[in-house]
C-alpha atoms as a PDB file:
ATOM      1  CA  MET A   1     -71.158  18.685 -16.430  1.00  0.00           C
ATOM      2  CA  HIS A   2     -69.045  21.751 -17.079  1.00  0.00           C
ATOM      3  CA  LYS A   3     -70.297  25.294 -17.543  1.00  0.00           C
ATOM      4  CA  PHE A   4     -68.966  25.902 -21.037  1.00  0.00           C
ATOM      5  CA  ARG A   5     -69.881  29.607 -21.156  1.00  0.00           C
ATOM      6  CA  GLU A   6     -67.477  30.207 -18.266  1.00  0.00           C
ATOM      7  CA  LEU A   7     -64.559  28.582 -20.083  1.00  0.00           C
ATOM      8  CA  LYS A   8     -62.127  31.161 -21.462  1.00  0.00           C
ATOM      9  CA  VAL A   9     -61.316  28.873 -24.380  1.00  0.00           C
ATOM     10  CA  TRP A  10     -64.993  28.750 -25.395  1.00  0.00           C
ATOM     11  CA  GLN A  11     -65.228  32.557 -25.162  1.00  0.00           C
ATOM     12  CA  ARG A  12     -62.084  32.967 -27.288  1.00  0.00           C
ATOM     13  CA  ALA A  13     -63.346  30.420 -29.804  1.00  0.00           C
ATOM     14  CA  MET A  14     -66.664  32.255 -30.119  1.00  0.00           C
ATOM     15  CA  ASP A  15     -64.913  35.563 -30.794  1.00  0.00           C
ATOM     16  CA  PHE A  16     -62.527  33.875 -33.225  1.00  0.00           C
ATOM     17  CA  THR A  17     -65.415  32.327 -35.160  1.00  0.00           C
ATOM     18  CA  VAL A  18     -66.919  35.765 -35.748  1.00  0.00           C
ATOM     19  CA  LYS A  19     -63.541  36.990 -37.044  1.00  0.00           C
ATOM     20  CA  VAL A  20     -63.304  34.041 -39.438  1.00  0.00           C
ATOM     21  CA  TYR A  21     -66.760  34.865 -40.813  1.00  0.00           C
ATOM     22  CA  GLU A  22     -65.711  38.491 -41.299  1.00  0.00           C
ATOM     23  CA  LEU A  23     -62.453  37.553 -43.029  1.00  0.00           C
ATOM     24  CA  THR A  24     -64.031  34.989 -45.337  1.00  0.00           C
ATOM     25  CA  ALA A  25     -66.795  37.419 -46.331  1.00  0.00           C
ATOM     26  CA  GLN A  26     -64.059  39.163 -48.343  1.00  0.00           C
ATOM     27  CA  PHE A  27     -63.082  36.015 -50.265  1.00  0.00           C
ATOM     28  CA  PRO A  28     -64.182  35.589 -53.897  1.00  0.00           C
ATOM     29  CA  LYS A  29     -67.762  34.431 -54.424  1.00  0.00           C
ATOM     30  CA  SER A  30     -66.358  31.427 -56.295  1.00  0.00           C
ATOM     31  CA  GLU A  31     -65.059  30.139 -52.929  1.00  0.00           C
ATOM     32  CA  GLN A  32     -68.454  30.356 -51.187  1.00  0.00           C
ATOM     33  CA  PHE A  33     -68.946  26.592 -51.282  1.00  0.00           C
ATOM     34  CA  GLY A  34     -65.239  25.778 -51.091  1.00  0.00           C
ATOM     35  CA  LEU A  35     -62.705  27.385 -48.824  1.00  0.00           C
ATOM     36  CA  VAL A  36     -65.172  29.837 -47.251  1.00  0.00           C
ATOM     37  CA  SER A  37     -67.510  27.049 -46.230  1.00  0.00           C
ATOM     38  CA  GLN A  38     -64.662  24.847 -44.990  1.00  0.00           C
ATOM     39  CA  LEU A  39     -63.088  27.581 -42.859  1.00  0.00           C
ATOM     40  CA  ARG A  40     -66.418  28.599 -41.390  1.00  0.00           C
ATOM     41  CA  ARG A  41     -67.367  25.014 -40.560  1.00  0.00           C
ATOM     42  CA  ALA A  42     -63.998  24.403 -38.920  1.00  0.00           C
ATOM     43  CA  ALA A  43     -64.245  27.658 -36.945  1.00  0.00           C
ATOM     44  CA  THR A  44     -67.752  26.932 -35.675  1.00  0.00           C
ATOM     45  CA  SER A  45     -66.702  23.387 -34.843  1.00  0.00           C
ATOM     46  CA  ILE A  46     -64.395  24.630 -32.090  1.00  0.00           C
ATOM     47  CA  PRO A  47     -66.940  26.283 -29.754  1.00  0.00           C
ATOM     48  CA  LEU A  48     -69.643  23.781 -30.735  1.00  0.00           C
ATOM     49  CA  ASN A  49     -67.486  20.826 -29.702  1.00  0.00           C
ATOM     50  CA  ILE A  50     -66.397  22.554 -26.502  1.00  0.00           C
ATOM     51  CA  ALA A  51     -70.058  23.075 -25.582  1.00  0.00           C
ATOM     52  CA  GLU A  52     -71.102  19.569 -26.583  1.00  0.00           C
ATOM     53  CA  GLY A  53     -68.230  18.048 -24.647  1.00  0.00           C
ATOM     54  CA  ALA A  54     -69.001  20.136 -21.587  1.00  0.00           C
ATOM     55  CA  GLY A  55     -72.412  18.511 -21.522  1.00  0.00           C
ATOM     56  CA  ALA A  56     -70.945  15.025 -21.727  1.00  0.00           C
ATOM     57  CA  GLY A  57     -71.271  12.744 -18.756  1.00  0.00           C
ATOM     58  CA  SER A  58     -67.575  12.261 -18.071  1.00  0.00           C
ATOM     59  CA  ASP A  59     -64.234  14.032 -18.217  1.00  0.00           C
ATOM     60  CA  ALA A  60     -63.018  11.394 -20.682  1.00  0.00           C
ATOM     61  CA  GLU A  61     -65.874  12.232 -23.042  1.00  0.00           C
ATOM     62  CA  PHE A  62     -65.232  15.963 -22.578  1.00  0.00           C
ATOM     63  CA  ARG A  63     -61.563  15.408 -23.513  1.00  0.00           C
ATOM     64  CA  ARG A  64     -62.656  13.594 -26.666  1.00  0.00           C
ATOM     65  CA  PHE A  65     -64.719  16.594 -27.788  1.00  0.00           C
ATOM     66  CA  LEU A  66     -61.886  18.978 -26.900  1.00  0.00           C
ATOM     67  CA  SER A  67     -59.612  16.886 -29.096  1.00  0.00           C
ATOM     68  CA  ILE A  68     -62.045  17.247 -31.995  1.00  0.00           C
ATOM     69  CA  ALA A  69     -62.114  21.010 -31.398  1.00  0.00           C
ATOM     70  CA  ALA A  70     -58.302  21.138 -31.429  1.00  0.00           C
ATOM     71  CA  ARG A  71     -58.175  19.226 -34.714  1.00  0.00           C
ATOM     72  CA  SER A  72     -60.550  21.796 -36.199  1.00  0.00           C
ATOM     73  CA  GLY A  73     -58.024  24.427 -35.128  1.00  0.00           C
ATOM     74  CA  TYR A  74     -55.319  22.689 -37.153  1.00  0.00           C
ATOM     75  CA  GLU A  75     -57.708  22.538 -40.088  1.00  0.00           C
ATOM     76  CA  ILE A  76     -58.182  26.308 -39.844  1.00  0.00           C
ATOM     77  CA  MET A  77     -54.415  26.869 -39.759  1.00  0.00           C
ATOM     78  CA  THR A  78     -54.052  24.998 -43.032  1.00  0.00           C
ATOM     79  CA  GLY A  79     -57.066  26.697 -44.598  1.00  0.00           C
ATOM     80  CA  LEU A  80     -55.687  30.116 -43.703  1.00  0.00           C
ATOM     81  CA  GLU A  81     -52.330  29.271 -45.234  1.00  0.00           C
ATOM     82  CA  ILE A  82     -54.075  28.091 -48.406  1.00  0.00           C
ATOM     83  CA  SER A  83     -56.012  31.381 -48.415  1.00  0.00           C
ATOM     84  CA  GLN A  84     -52.762  33.304 -48.243  1.00  0.00           C
ATOM     85  CA  ARG A  85     -51.187  31.277 -51.048  1.00  0.00           C
ATOM     86  CA  LEU A  86     -54.230  31.948 -53.217  1.00  0.00           C
ATOM     87  CA  GLY A  87     -54.072  35.658 -52.440  1.00  0.00           C
ATOM     88  CA  TYR A  88     -57.424  35.785 -50.626  1.00  0.00           C
ATOM     89  CA  ALA A  89     -55.741  36.970 -47.432  1.00  0.00           C
ATOM     90  CA  ASN A  90     -52.369  38.639 -47.209  1.00  0.00           C
ATOM     91  CA  GLU A  91     -49.773  37.852 -44.554  1.00  0.00           C
ATOM     92  CA  GLU A  92     -50.776  40.919 -42.544  1.00  0.00           C
ATOM     93  CA  GLN A  93     -54.340  39.595 -42.356  1.00  0.00           C
ATOM     94  CA  GLY A  94     -53.438  35.950 -41.900  1.00  0.00           C
ATOM     95  CA  LYS A  95     -50.697  36.201 -39.290  1.00  0.00           C
ATOM     96  CA  PRO A  96     -52.939  37.334 -36.392  1.00  0.00           C
ATOM     97  CA  PHE A  97     -55.479  34.620 -37.276  1.00  0.00           C
ATOM     98  CA  LEU A  98     -52.806  31.941 -37.268  1.00  0.00           C
ATOM     99  CA  ALA A  99     -51.465  33.190 -33.936  1.00  0.00           C
ATOM    100  CA  GLU A 100     -54.924  33.289 -32.391  1.00  0.00           C
ATOM    101  CA  VAL A 101     -55.970  29.832 -33.510  1.00  0.00           C
ATOM    102  CA  ASP A 102     -52.618  28.507 -32.279  1.00  0.00           C
ATOM    103  CA  GLU A 103     -53.346  30.027 -28.853  1.00  0.00           C
ATOM    104  CA  ILE A 104     -56.834  28.524 -28.822  1.00  0.00           C
ATOM    105  CA  VAL A 105     -55.448  25.082 -29.672  1.00  0.00           C
ATOM    106  CA  GLY A 106     -52.915  25.522 -26.864  1.00  0.00           C
ATOM    107  CA  MET A 107     -55.725  26.363 -24.451  1.00  0.00           C
ATOM    108  CA  LEU A 108     -57.632  23.270 -25.561  1.00  0.00           C
ATOM    109  CA  VAL A 109     -54.579  21.065 -25.051  1.00  0.00           C
ATOM    110  CA  GLY A 110     -54.042  22.602 -21.612  1.00  0.00           C
ATOM    111  CA  LEU A 111     -57.639  21.903 -20.634  1.00  0.00           C
ATOM    112  CA  MET A 112     -57.346  18.325 -21.899  1.00  0.00           C
ATOM    113  CA  ARG A 113     -54.224  17.822 -19.772  1.00  0.00           C
ATOM    114  CA  LYS A 114     -55.959  19.298 -16.736  1.00  0.00           C
ATOM    115  CA  LEU A 115     -58.884  16.921 -17.180  1.00  0.00           C
ATOM    116  CA  GLU A 116     -56.496  14.006 -17.701  1.00  0.00           C
ATOM    117  CA  SER A 117     -54.577  14.731 -14.498  1.00  0.00           C
ATOM    118  CA  LYS A 118     -57.858  15.160 -12.609  1.00  0.00           C
ATOM    119  CA  THR A 119     -59.016  11.772 -13.878  1.00  0.00           C
ATOM    120  CA  SER A 120     -55.722  10.033 -13.099  1.00  0.00           C
ATOM    121  CA  ARG A 121     -55.788  11.283  -9.471  1.00  0.00           C
ATOM    122  CA  ARG A 122     -59.129   9.614  -8.799  1.00  0.00           C
ATOM    123  CA  PRO A 123     -58.948   6.316  -6.893  1.00  0.00           C
END
């Protein structure tokens, strides 16, 4: 069992999720059940999967949940780019979001590698 609240990646993902909610609140009402919902679900998926994986019984299972969280990050990247193309977010708004989610995905990948090396060192 891992203490997910102590993980920097979980903390960053929580803060990022709030930012995604704030950004998407400005999107057109017609997107409430489309892009807004998709981006919010993908954003919440990151810290939720980190927490769920931290409670898993093994490092291998934790890595699996971290992988799901990372894939949600890629989903957000694409959703943000779609938002920019549709004019819901300009480049000035979108660029910091894309950079932040990229950093979060990098942190997730780093944690997965750390868990993998820890597992491979066991007899």
